[in-house]
Amino acid sequence: AALLPAPDVLDDAEAAALHIGYQTGWFGLHR
């Protein structure tokens, strides 16, 4: 239920690094 589609514009290594750090940044800065 928690799987997220990997963005097509990112390769596998970039996609692996998109989730926790960027979600942390987005929730921190915006929420």
ModelCIF file with pLDDT and N, C-alpha, C, O atoms, coordinates in Angstrom:
data_MODEL
#
_entry.id   MODEL 
#
_entity.id                         1 
_entity.type                       polymer 
_entity.pdbx_number_of_molecules   1 
#
_entity_poly.entity_id                      1 
_entity_poly.type                           'polypeptide(L)' 
_entity_poly.nstd_linkage                   no 
_entity_poly.nstd_monomer                   no 
_entity_poly.pdbx_seq_one_letter_code       AALLPAPDVLDDAEAAALHIGYQTGWFGLHR 
_entity_poly.pdbx_seq_one_letter_code_can   AALLPAPDVLDDAEAAALHIGYQTGWFGLHR 
_entity_poly.pdbx_strand_id                 A 
#
loop_
_entity_poly_seq.entity_id 
_entity_poly_seq.num 
_entity_poly_seq.mon_id 
_entity_poly_seq.hetero 
1 1  ALA n 
1 2  ALA n 
1 3  LEU n 
1 4  LEU n 
1 5  PRO n 
1 6  ALA n 
1 7  PRO n 
1 8  ASP n 
1 9  VAL n 
1 10 LEU n 
1 11 ASP n 
1 12 ASP n 
1 13 ALA n 
1 14 GLU n 
1 15 ALA n 
1 16 ALA n 
1 17 ALA n 
1 18 LEU n 
1 19 HIS n 
1 20 ILE n 
1 21 GLY n 
1 22 TYR n 
1 23 GLN n 
1 24 THR n 
1 25 GLY n 
1 26 TRP n 
1 27 PHE n 
1 28 GLY n 
1 29 LEU n 
1 30 HIS n 
1 31 ARG n 
#
_struct_asym.id          A 
_struct_asym.entity_id   1 
#
loop_
_ma_qa_metric.id 
_ma_qa_metric.mode 
_ma_qa_metric.name 
_ma_qa_metric.software_group_id 
_ma_qa_metric.type 
1 global pLDDT . pLDDT 
2 local  pLDDT . pLDDT 
#
_ma_qa_metric_global.metric_id      1 
_ma_qa_metric_global.metric_value   96.35 
_ma_qa_metric_global.model_id       1 
_ma_qa_metric_global.ordinal_id     1 
#
loop_
_ma_qa_metric_local.label_asym_id 
_ma_qa_metric_local.label_comp_id 
_ma_qa_metric_local.label_seq_id 
_ma_qa_metric_local.metric_id 
_ma_qa_metric_local.metric_value 
_ma_qa_metric_local.model_id 
_ma_qa_metric_local.ordinal_id 
A ALA 1  2 91.00 1 1  
A ALA 2  2 91.00 1 2  
A LEU 3  2 96.00 1 3  
A LEU 4  2 97.00 1 4  
A PRO 5  2 97.00 1 5  
A ALA 6  2 98.00 1 6  
A PRO 7  2 97.00 1 7  
A ASP 8  2 96.00 1 8  
A VAL 9  2 97.00 1 9  
A LEU 10 2 97.00 1 10 
A ASP 11 2 97.00 1 11 
A ASP 12 2 97.00 1 12 
A ALA 13 2 97.00 1 13 
A GLU 14 2 97.00 1 14 
A ALA 15 2 98.00 1 15 
A ALA 16 2 97.00 1 16 
A ALA 17 2 97.00 1 17 
A LEU 18 2 96.00 1 18 
A HIS 19 2 95.00 1 19 
A ILE 20 2 94.00 1 20 
A GLY 21 2 94.00 1 21 
A TYR 22 2 97.00 1 22 
A GLN 23 2 97.00 1 23 
A THR 24 2 96.00 1 24 
A GLY 25 2 97.00 1 25 
A TRP 26 2 98.00 1 26 
A PHE 27 2 98.00 1 27 
A GLY 28 2 97.00 1 28 
A LEU 29 2 98.00 1 29 
A HIS 30 2 97.00 1 30 
A ARG 31 2 96.00 1 31 
#
loop_
_atom_site.group_PDB 
_atom_site.id 
_atom_site.type_symbol 
_atom_site.label_atom_id 
_atom_site.label_alt_id 
_atom_site.label_comp_id 
_atom_site.label_asym_id 
_atom_site.label_entity_id 
_atom_site.label_seq_id 
_atom_site.pdbx_PDB_ins_code 
_atom_site.Cartn_x 
_atom_site.Cartn_y 
_atom_site.Cartn_z 
_atom_site.occupancy 
_atom_site.B_iso_or_equiv 
_atom_site.pdbx_formal_charge 
_atom_site.auth_seq_id 
_atom_site.auth_comp_id 
_atom_site.auth_asym_id 
_atom_site.auth_atom_id 
_atom_site.pdbx_PDB_model_num 
ATOM 1   N N  . ALA A 1 1  ? 0.810  -1.216 0.000   1.00 91.00 ? 1  ALA A N  1 
ATOM 2   C CA . ALA A 1 1  ? 0.000  0.000  0.000   1.00 91.00 ? 1  ALA A CA 1 
ATOM 3   C C  . ALA A 1 1  ? 0.841  1.263  0.000   1.00 91.00 ? 1  ALA A C  1 
ATOM 4   O O  . ALA A 1 1  ? 0.348  2.331  -0.362  1.00 91.00 ? 1  ALA A O  1 
ATOM 5   N N  . ALA A 1 2  ? 2.097  1.161  0.398   1.00 91.00 ? 2  ALA A N  1 
ATOM 6   C CA . ALA A 1 2  ? 2.947  2.352  0.507   1.00 91.00 ? 2  ALA A CA 1 
ATOM 7   C C  . ALA A 1 2  ? 3.885  2.519  -0.680  1.00 91.00 ? 2  ALA A C  1 
ATOM 8   O O  . ALA A 1 2  ? 4.696  3.445  -0.686  1.00 91.00 ? 2  ALA A O  1 
ATOM 9   N N  . LEU A 1 3  ? 3.800  1.650  -1.688  1.00 96.00 ? 3  LEU A N  1 
ATOM 10  C CA . LEU A 1 3  ? 4.670  1.778  -2.854  1.00 96.00 ? 3  LEU A CA 1 
ATOM 11  C C  . LEU A 1 3  ? 4.340  3.051  -3.626  1.00 96.00 ? 3  LEU A C  1 
ATOM 12  O O  . LEU A 1 3  ? 3.173  3.415  -3.770  1.00 96.00 ? 3  LEU A O  1 
ATOM 13  N N  . LEU A 1 4  ? 5.372  3.721  -4.118  1.00 97.00 ? 4  LEU A N  1 
ATOM 14  C CA . LEU A 1 4  ? 5.201  4.946  -4.893  1.00 97.00 ? 4  LEU A CA 1 
ATOM 15  C C  . LEU A 1 4  ? 5.837  4.760  -6.266  1.00 97.00 ? 4  LEU A C  1 
ATOM 16  O O  . LEU A 1 4  ? 6.913  4.169  -6.360  1.00 97.00 ? 4  LEU A O  1 
ATOM 17  N N  . PRO A 1 5  ? 5.209  5.243  -7.324  1.00 97.00 ? 5  PRO A N  1 
ATOM 18  C CA . PRO A 1 5  ? 5.815  5.103  -8.660  1.00 97.00 ? 5  PRO A CA 1 
ATOM 19  C C  . PRO A 1 5  ? 7.088  5.927  -8.769  1.00 97.00 ? 5  PRO A C  1 
ATOM 20  O O  . PRO A 1 5  ? 7.118  7.088  -8.361  1.00 97.00 ? 5  PRO A O  1 
ATOM 21  N N  . ALA A 1 6  ? 8.136  5.329  -9.318  1.00 98.00 ? 6  ALA A N  1 
ATOM 22  C CA . ALA A 1 6  ? 9.400  6.049  -9.504  1.00 98.00 ? 6  ALA A CA 1 
ATOM 23  C C  . ALA A 1 6  ? 9.267  6.989  -10.698 1.00 98.00 ? 6  ALA A C  1 
ATOM 24  O O  . ALA A 1 6  ? 8.827  6.548  -11.760 1.00 98.00 ? 6  ALA A O  1 
ATOM 25  N N  . PRO A 1 7  ? 9.626  8.257  -10.571 1.00 97.00 ? 7  PRO A N  1 
ATOM 26  C CA . PRO A 1 7  ? 9.521  9.201  -11.694 1.00 97.00 ? 7  PRO A CA 1 
ATOM 27  C C  . PRO A 1 7  ? 10.359 8.745  -12.886 1.00 97.00 ? 7  PRO A C  1 
ATOM 28  O O  . PRO A 1 7  ? 11.502 8.315  -12.728 1.00 97.00 ? 7  PRO A O  1 
ATOM 29  N N  . ASP A 1 8  ? 9.784  8.843  -14.063 1.00 96.00 ? 8  ASP A N  1 
ATOM 30  C CA . ASP A 1 8  ? 10.478 8.397  -15.273 1.00 96.00 ? 8  ASP A CA 1 
ATOM 31  C C  . ASP A 1 8  ? 11.728 9.221  -15.571 1.00 96.00 ? 8  ASP A C  1 
ATOM 32  O O  . ASP A 1 8  ? 12.667 8.721  -16.190 1.00 96.00 ? 8  ASP A O  1 
ATOM 33  N N  . VAL A 1 9  ? 11.745 10.485 -15.134 1.00 97.00 ? 9  VAL A N  1 
ATOM 34  C CA . VAL A 1 9  ? 12.876 11.366 -15.470 1.00 97.00 ? 9  VAL A CA 1 
ATOM 35  C C  . VAL A 1 9  ? 14.104 11.080 -14.619 1.00 97.00 ? 9  VAL A C  1 
ATOM 36  O O  . VAL A 1 9  ? 15.182 11.599 -14.909 1.00 97.00 ? 9  VAL A O  1 
ATOM 37  N N  . LEU A 1 10 ? 13.968 10.268 -13.577 1.00 97.00 ? 10 LEU A N  1 
ATOM 38  C CA . LEU A 1 10 ? 15.091 9.957  -12.699 1.00 97.00 ? 10 LEU A CA 1 
ATOM 39  C C  . LEU A 1 10 ? 15.570 8.532  -12.937 1.00 97.00 ? 10 LEU A C  1 
ATOM 40  O O  . LEU A 1 10 ? 14.759 7.630  -13.149 1.00 97.00 ? 10 LEU A O  1 
ATOM 41  N N  . ASP A 1 11 ? 16.890 8.325  -12.903 1.00 97.00 ? 11 ASP A N  1 
ATOM 42  C CA . ASP A 1 11 ? 17.383 6.956  -12.977 1.00 97.00 ? 11 ASP A CA 1 
ATOM 43  C C  . ASP A 1 11 ? 17.178 6.277  -11.622 1.00 97.00 ? 11 ASP A C  1 
ATOM 44  O O  . ASP A 1 11 ? 16.680 6.896  -10.681 1.00 97.00 ? 11 ASP A O  1 
ATOM 45  N N  . ASP A 1 12 ? 17.561 5.015  -11.528 1.00 97.00 ? 12 ASP A N  1 
ATOM 46  C CA . ASP A 1 12 ? 17.244 4.251  -10.315 1.00 97.00 ? 12 ASP A CA 1 
ATOM 47  C C  . ASP A 1 12 ? 17.902 4.833  -9.073  1.00 97.00 ? 12 ASP A C  1 
ATOM 48  O O  . ASP A 1 12 ? 17.268 4.916  -8.021  1.00 97.00 ? 12 ASP A O  1 
ATOM 49  N N  . ALA A 1 13 ? 19.164 5.237  -9.179  1.00 97.00 ? 13 ALA A N  1 
ATOM 50  C CA . ALA A 1 13 ? 19.859 5.797  -8.020  1.00 97.00 ? 13 ALA A CA 1 
ATOM 51  C C  . ALA A 1 13 ? 19.223 7.116  -7.593  1.00 97.00 ? 13 ALA A C  1 
ATOM 52  O O  . ALA A 1 13 ? 19.056 7.362  -6.399  1.00 97.00 ? 13 ALA A O  1 
ATOM 53  N N  . GLU A 1 14 ? 18.869 7.957  -8.547  1.00 97.00 ? 14 GLU A N  1 
ATOM 54  C CA . GLU A 1 14 ? 18.213 9.230  -8.224  1.00 97.00 ? 14 GLU A CA 1 
ATOM 55  C C  . GLU A 1 14 ? 16.837 8.996  -7.609  1.00 97.00 ? 14 GLU A C  1 
ATOM 56  O O  . GLU A 1 14 ? 16.454 9.668  -6.652  1.00 97.00 ? 14 GLU A O  1 
ATOM 57  N N  . ALA A 1 15 ? 16.101 8.042  -8.163  1.00 98.00 ? 15 ALA A N  1 
ATOM 58  C CA . ALA A 1 15 ? 14.766 7.749  -7.627  1.00 98.00 ? 15 ALA A CA 1 
ATOM 59  C C  . ALA A 1 15 ? 14.853 7.221  -6.204  1.00 98.00 ? 15 ALA A C  1 
ATOM 60  O O  . ALA A 1 15 ? 14.008 7.547  -5.370  1.00 98.00 ? 15 ALA A O  1 
ATOM 61  N N  . ALA A 1 16 ? 15.874 6.402  -5.915  1.00 97.00 ? 16 ALA A N  1 
ATOM 62  C CA . ALA A 1 16 ? 16.029 5.865  -4.563  1.00 97.00 ? 16 ALA A CA 1 
ATOM 63  C C  . ALA A 1 16 ? 16.276 6.968  -3.554  1.00 97.00 ? 16 ALA A C  1 
ATOM 64  O O  . ALA A 1 16 ? 15.948 6.822  -2.377  1.00 97.00 ? 16 ALA A O  1 
ATOM 65  N N  . ALA A 1 17 ? 16.860 8.088  -4.013  1.00 97.00 ? 17 ALA A N  1 
ATOM 66  C CA . ALA A 1 17 ? 17.198 9.192  -3.115  1.00 97.00 ? 17 ALA A CA 1 
ATOM 67  C C  . ALA A 1 17 ? 16.129 10.278 -3.083  1.00 97.00 ? 17 ALA A C  1 
ATOM 68  O O  . ALA A 1 17 ? 16.323 11.301 -2.425  1.00 97.00 ? 17 ALA A O  1 
ATOM 69  N N  . LEU A 1 18 ? 15.018 10.088 -3.767  1.00 96.00 ? 18 LEU A N  1 
ATOM 70  C CA . LEU A 1 18 ? 13.996 11.142 -3.832  1.00 96.00 ? 18 LEU A CA 1 
ATOM 71  C C  . LEU A 1 18 ? 13.079 11.155 -2.624  1.00 96.00 ? 18 LEU A C  1 
ATOM 72  O O  . LEU A 1 18 ? 12.495 12.193 -2.311  1.00 96.00 ? 18 LEU A O  1 
ATOM 73  N N  . HIS A 1 19 ? 12.937 10.047 -1.948  1.00 95.00 ? 19 HIS A N  1 
ATOM 74  C CA . HIS A 1 19 ? 11.817 9.880  -1.030  1.00 95.00 ? 19 HIS A CA 1 
ATOM 75  C C  . HIS A 1 19 ? 12.022 10.535 0.343   1.00 95.00 ? 19 HIS A C  1 
ATOM 76  O O  . HIS A 1 19 ? 11.436 11.586 0.602   1.00 95.00 ? 19 HIS A O  1 
ATOM 77  N N  . ILE A 1 20 ? 12.823 9.953  1.217   1.00 94.00 ? 20 ILE A N  1 
ATOM 78  C CA . ILE A 1 20 ? 12.882 10.402 2.611   1.00 94.00 ? 20 ILE A CA 1 
ATOM 79  C C  . ILE A 1 20 ? 13.417 11.829 2.726   1.00 94.00 ? 20 ILE A C  1 
ATOM 80  O O  . ILE A 1 20 ? 12.798 12.666 3.382   1.00 94.00 ? 20 ILE A O  1 
ATOM 81  N N  . GLY A 1 21 ? 14.556 12.115 2.097   1.00 94.00 ? 21 GLY A N  1 
ATOM 82  C CA . GLY A 1 21 ? 15.149 13.439 2.209   1.00 94.00 ? 21 GLY A CA 1 
ATOM 83  C C  . GLY A 1 21 ? 14.266 14.534 1.645   1.00 94.00 ? 21 GLY A C  1 
ATOM 84  O O  . GLY A 1 21 ? 14.121 15.596 2.250   1.00 94.00 ? 21 GLY A O  1 
ATOM 85  N N  . TYR A 1 22 ? 13.682 14.282 0.498   1.00 97.00 ? 22 TYR A N  1 
ATOM 86  C CA . TYR A 1 22 ? 12.848 15.303 -0.143  1.00 97.00 ? 22 TYR A CA 1 
ATOM 87  C C  . TYR A 1 22 ? 11.501 15.439 0.552   1.00 97.00 ? 22 TYR A C  1 
ATOM 88  O O  . TYR A 1 22 ? 10.973 16.545 0.664   1.00 97.00 ? 22 TYR A O  1 
ATOM 89  N N  . GLN A 1 23 ? 10.943 14.334 1.016   1.00 97.00 ? 23 GLN A N  1 
ATOM 90  C CA . GLN A 1 23 ? 9.703  14.444 1.783   1.00 97.00 ? 23 GLN A CA 1 
ATOM 91  C C  . GLN A 1 23 ? 9.967  15.191 3.093   1.00 97.00 ? 23 GLN A C  1 
ATOM 92  O O  . GLN A 1 23 ? 9.154  16.011 3.521   1.00 97.00 ? 23 GLN A O  1 
ATOM 93  N N  . THR A 1 24 ? 11.112 14.902 3.727   1.00 96.00 ? 24 THR A N  1 
ATOM 94  C CA . THR A 1 24 ? 11.480 15.627 4.940   1.00 96.00 ? 24 THR A CA 1 
ATOM 95  C C  . THR A 1 24 ? 11.592 17.117 4.651   1.00 96.00 ? 24 THR A C  1 
ATOM 96  O O  . THR A 1 24 ? 11.065 17.942 5.398   1.00 96.00 ? 24 THR A O  1 
ATOM 97  N N  . GLY A 1 25 ? 12.272 17.457 3.575   1.00 97.00 ? 25 GLY A N  1 
ATOM 98  C CA . GLY A 1 25 ? 12.416 18.857 3.207   1.00 97.00 ? 25 GLY A CA 1 
ATOM 99  C C  . GLY A 1 25 ? 11.087 19.515 2.901   1.00 97.00 ? 25 GLY A C  1 
ATOM 100 O O  . GLY A 1 25 ? 10.826 20.632 3.348   1.00 97.00 ? 25 GLY A O  1 
ATOM 101 N N  . TRP A 1 26 ? 10.245 18.831 2.141   1.00 98.00 ? 26 TRP A N  1 
ATOM 102 C CA . TRP A 1 26 ? 8.970  19.434 1.736   1.00 98.00 ? 26 TRP A CA 1 
ATOM 103 C C  . TRP A 1 26 ? 8.050  19.639 2.936   1.00 98.00 ? 26 TRP A C  1 
ATOM 104 O O  . TRP A 1 26 ? 7.504  20.727 3.117   1.00 98.00 ? 26 TRP A O  1 
ATOM 105 N N  . PHE A 1 27 ? 7.872  18.598 3.761   1.00 98.00 ? 27 PHE A N  1 
ATOM 106 C CA . PHE A 1 27 ? 7.009  18.742 4.935   1.00 98.00 ? 27 PHE A CA 1 
ATOM 107 C C  . PHE A 1 27 ? 7.579  19.772 5.903   1.00 98.00 ? 27 PHE A C  1 
ATOM 108 O O  . PHE A 1 27 ? 6.828  20.545 6.498   1.00 98.00 ? 27 PHE A O  1 
ATOM 109 N N  . GLY A 1 28 ? 8.894  19.787 6.064   1.00 97.00 ? 28 GLY A N  1 
ATOM 110 C CA . GLY A 1 28 ? 9.506  20.743 6.968   1.00 97.00 ? 28 GLY A CA 1 
ATOM 111 C C  . GLY A 1 28 ? 9.303  22.178 6.506   1.00 97.00 ? 28 GLY A C  1 
ATOM 112 O O  . GLY A 1 28 ? 8.883  23.032 7.286   1.00 97.00 ? 28 GLY A O  1 
ATOM 113 N N  . LEU A 1 29 ? 9.595  22.440 5.254   1.00 98.00 ? 29 LEU A N  1 
ATOM 114 C CA . LEU A 1 29 ? 9.526  23.803 4.748   1.00 98.00 ? 29 LEU A CA 1 
ATOM 115 C C  . LEU A 1 29 ? 8.094  24.282 4.544   1.00 98.00 ? 29 LEU A C  1 
ATOM 116 O O  . LEU A 1 29 ? 7.778  25.442 4.812   1.00 98.00 ? 29 LEU A O  1 
ATOM 117 N N  . HIS A 1 30 ? 7.227  23.385 4.070   1.00 97.00 ? 30 HIS A N  1 
ATOM 118 C CA . HIS A 1 30 ? 5.878  23.829 3.692   1.00 97.00 ? 30 HIS A CA 1 
ATOM 119 C C  . HIS A 1 30 ? 4.818  23.559 4.756   1.00 97.00 ? 30 HIS A C  1 
ATOM 120 O O  . HIS A 1 30 ? 3.978  24.421 5.014   1.00 97.00 ? 30 HIS A O  1 
ATOM 121 N N  . ARG A 1 31 ? 4.840  22.397 5.370   1.00 96.00 ? 31 ARG A N  1 
ATOM 122 C CA . ARG A 1 31 ? 3.814  22.086 6.371   1.00 96.00 ? 31 ARG A CA 1 
ATOM 123 C C  . ARG A 1 31 ? 4.153  22.663 7.742   1.00 96.00 ? 31 ARG A C  1 
ATOM 124 O O  . ARG A 1 31 ? 3.389  22.489 8.691   1.00 96.00 ? 31 ARG A O  1 
#
